[in-house]
């Protein structure tokens, strides 16, 4: 209902205060995709370096160097190493510039998490205890820093239990 009209003939309406919950939704406090970018980048670099050493090793080349600690002479293993290496390189490209936002970053993080989980679950028993524990530790730290929950860490933690 209009209030008293001013001299110009324009009606004036009373303002009603609306509760804050009505209208537009307040912006939710969204968790960032990456908890600690510097730590995530460090663990990506460590894993990429170790996997590149494994990928580049040539067993036919005659020299006195022993094979890398993560090296297994199995075709499916080497394929999974290359797959994980490609996903980690993609993640490495996203992290330094602060571009770890949006759906592309979520997809990359999801692919890295699933490739890492598959790699660890498939080959942790075949790797030596020291190499496997270090790889699982670095992978777990990376997944902690780039994932929202700890659900991806449970299978990796199970691999580190004594007696397995």
Protein backbone atom coordinates (compact mmCIF):
# COMPACT_ATOMS: atom_id res chain seq x y z
CA UNK A 1 0.00 0.00 0.00
CA UNK A 2 1.49 3.35 -1.00
CA UNK A 3 2.46 5.80 1.67
CA UNK A 4 1.83 9.49 1.34
CA UNK A 5 2.79 10.69 -2.09
CA UNK A 6 5.31 13.49 -2.39
CA UNK A 7 4.42 16.63 -4.32
CA UNK A 8 5.74 15.21 -7.61
CA UNK A 9 3.00 12.58 -7.67
CA UNK A 10 5.32 9.59 -7.42
CA UNK A 11 4.03 6.92 -5.02
CA UNK A 12 6.32 5.88 -2.17
CA UNK A 13 6.18 2.32 -0.85
CA UNK A 14 7.30 1.16 2.56
CA UNK A 15 10.44 -0.95 2.58
CA UNK A 16 10.11 -4.33 4.19
CA UNK A 17 13.22 -5.89 5.69
CA UNK A 18 13.69 -9.44 4.42
CA UNK A 19 15.51 -12.11 6.39
CA UNK A 20 19.05 -12.83 5.25
CA UNK A 21 18.17 -16.38 4.23
CA UNK A 22 15.76 -15.24 1.52
CA UNK A 23 16.70 -14.11 -1.93
CA UNK A 24 20.08 -15.08 -3.25
CA UNK A 25 21.93 -17.81 -1.49
CA UNK A 26 25.00 -16.72 0.35
CA UNK A 27 28.21 -17.94 -1.14
CA UNK A 28 29.20 -21.19 0.49
CA UNK A 29 32.57 -21.59 2.03
CA UNK A 30 33.99 -23.96 -0.55
CA UNK A 31 37.10 -25.90 0.31
CA UNK A 32 39.96 -25.20 -2.06
CA UNK A 33 40.95 -28.02 -4.38
CA UNK A 34 44.53 -27.89 -3.17
CA UNK A 35 45.25 -27.59 0.55
CA UNK A 36 48.90 -26.65 0.27
CA UNK A 37 50.13 -25.97 -3.23
CA UNK A 38 53.83 -25.92 -2.33
CA UNK A 39 53.67 -29.31 -0.61
CA UNK A 40 51.57 -30.81 -3.40
CA UNK A 41 54.06 -29.55 -5.99
CA UNK A 42 56.96 -30.99 -3.99
CA UNK A 43 55.37 -34.44 -3.86
CA UNK A 44 54.45 -34.30 -7.55
CA UNK A 45 58.07 -33.50 -8.39
CA UNK A 46 59.38 -36.35 -6.23
CA UNK A 47 57.03 -38.88 -7.80
CA UNK A 48 57.66 -37.62 -11.34
CA UNK A 49 61.42 -37.82 -10.85
CA UNK A 50 61.25 -41.38 -9.49
CA UNK A 51 58.87 -42.56 -12.20
CA UNK A 52 60.87 -40.85 -14.97
CA UNK A 53 63.97 -42.66 -13.76
CA UNK A 54 62.03 -45.91 -14.00
CA UNK A 55 60.56 -45.05 -17.39
CA UNK A 56 63.88 -43.99 -18.95
CA UNK A 57 65.87 -46.98 -17.69
CA UNK A 58 67.04 -49.18 -20.53
CA UNK A 59 67.88 -52.74 -19.42
CA UNK A 60 69.60 -53.49 -22.75
CA UNK A 61 72.15 -50.74 -22.26
CA UNK A 62 75.28 -52.24 -20.82
CA UNK A 63 76.51 -50.21 -17.89
CA UNK A 64 77.19 -50.74 -14.22
CA UNK A 65 74.17 -48.89 -12.90
CA UNK A 66 71.62 -51.01 -11.05
CA UNK A 67 67.98 -50.69 -12.09
CA UNK A 68 65.92 -48.04 -10.26
CA UNK A 69 64.19 -49.12 -7.06
CA UNK A 70 60.77 -48.79 -8.70
CA UNK A 71 61.69 -50.85 -11.75
CA UNK A 72 59.84 -54.08 -12.50
CA UNK A 73 60.27 -55.92 -15.79
CA UNK A 74 56.56 -56.38 -16.47
CA UNK A 75 54.76 -54.84 -19.43
CA UNK A 76 51.57 -53.97 -17.56
CA UNK A 77 53.60 -52.35 -14.78
CA UNK A 78 55.56 -50.19 -17.24
CA UNK A 79 52.31 -49.18 -18.94
CA UNK A 80 50.84 -48.11 -15.58
CA UNK A 81 54.03 -46.18 -14.76
CA UNK A 82 53.70 -44.25 -18.02
CA UNK A 83 50.01 -43.59 -17.37
CA UNK A 84 50.62 -42.30 -13.85
CA UNK A 85 53.56 -40.25 -15.09
CA UNK A 86 51.39 -38.55 -17.72
CA UNK A 87 48.71 -37.68 -15.14
CA UNK A 88 51.30 -36.34 -12.69
CA UNK A 89 52.86 -34.17 -15.41
CA UNK A 90 49.44 -32.72 -16.15
CA UNK A 91 48.91 -31.96 -12.47
CA UNK A 92 52.39 -30.42 -12.30
CA UNK A 93 51.36 -28.00 -15.04
CA UNK A 94 48.28 -26.91 -13.08
CA UNK A 95 49.85 -26.38 -9.66
CA UNK A 96 52.52 -23.66 -10.02
CA UNK A 97 50.36 -21.00 -11.65
CA UNK A 98 47.49 -21.37 -9.23
CA UNK A 99 45.30 -22.72 -12.02
CA UNK A 100 44.04 -25.56 -9.84
CA UNK A 101 40.46 -24.35 -10.11
CA UNK A 102 37.45 -25.40 -12.10
CA UNK A 103 36.24 -28.61 -13.62
CA UNK A 104 39.42 -29.32 -15.60
CA UNK A 105 41.46 -29.25 -12.41
CA UNK A 106 38.92 -31.46 -10.63
CA UNK A 107 39.08 -33.99 -13.45
CA UNK A 108 42.88 -33.98 -13.45
CA UNK A 109 43.01 -34.43 -9.69
CA UNK A 110 40.48 -37.27 -9.94
CA UNK A 111 42.51 -39.01 -12.65
CA UNK A 112 45.72 -38.62 -10.66
CA UNK A 113 44.02 -40.03 -7.56
CA UNK A 114 42.62 -43.05 -9.36
CA UNK A 115 45.87 -43.74 -11.27
CA UNK A 116 47.87 -43.45 -8.05
CA UNK A 117 45.51 -45.75 -6.19
CA UNK A 118 45.62 -48.33 -9.00
CA UNK A 119 49.41 -48.16 -9.18
CA UNK A 120 49.89 -48.60 -5.43
CA UNK A 121 47.29 -51.34 -5.04
CA UNK A 122 48.64 -53.27 -8.00
CA UNK A 123 52.36 -53.11 -7.36
CA UNK A 124 53.06 -52.32 -3.70
CA UNK A 125 53.55 -56.01 -2.91
CA UNK A 126 55.94 -56.50 -5.83
CA UNK A 127 58.16 -53.53 -4.98
CA UNK A 128 60.75 -53.76 -2.25
CA UNK A 129 59.61 -52.73 1.21
CA UNK A 130 61.65 -49.52 1.31
CA UNK A 131 60.73 -48.36 -2.19
CA UNK A 132 57.08 -49.26 -1.72
CA UNK A 133 56.82 -47.46 1.62
CA UNK A 134 58.45 -44.32 0.26
CA UNK A 135 56.29 -44.34 -2.85
CA UNK A 136 53.13 -44.89 -0.82
CA UNK A 137 54.16 -42.11 1.56
CA UNK A 138 54.79 -39.61 -1.23
CA UNK A 139 51.58 -40.61 -3.03
CA UNK A 140 49.59 -40.38 0.19
CA UNK A 141 50.99 -36.93 0.96
CA UNK A 142 50.16 -35.78 -2.57
CA UNK A 143 46.61 -37.12 -2.38
CA UNK A 144 46.15 -35.48 1.02
CA UNK A 145 47.12 -32.09 -0.38
CA UNK A 146 45.04 -32.31 -3.57
CA UNK A 147 41.91 -34.14 -2.45
CA UNK A 148 39.03 -32.98 -0.30
CA UNK A 149 38.57 -36.03 1.85
CA UNK A 150 40.70 -38.74 3.31
CA UNK A 151 38.75 -41.56 1.65
CA UNK A 152 41.51 -41.96 -0.95
CA UNK A 153 44.12 -42.33 1.79
CA UNK A 154 42.55 -45.36 3.47
CA UNK A 155 43.71 -47.97 0.91
CA UNK A 156 47.20 -46.46 0.91
CA UNK A 157 47.35 -46.54 4.70
CA UNK A 158 46.29 -50.17 4.67
CA UNK A 159 49.33 -50.96 2.51
CA UNK A 160 51.67 -49.46 5.10
CA UNK A 161 50.42 -51.61 7.95
CA UNK A 162 53.04 -53.90 9.41
CA UNK A 163 52.55 -57.52 8.51
CA UNK A 164 51.27 -57.00 4.98
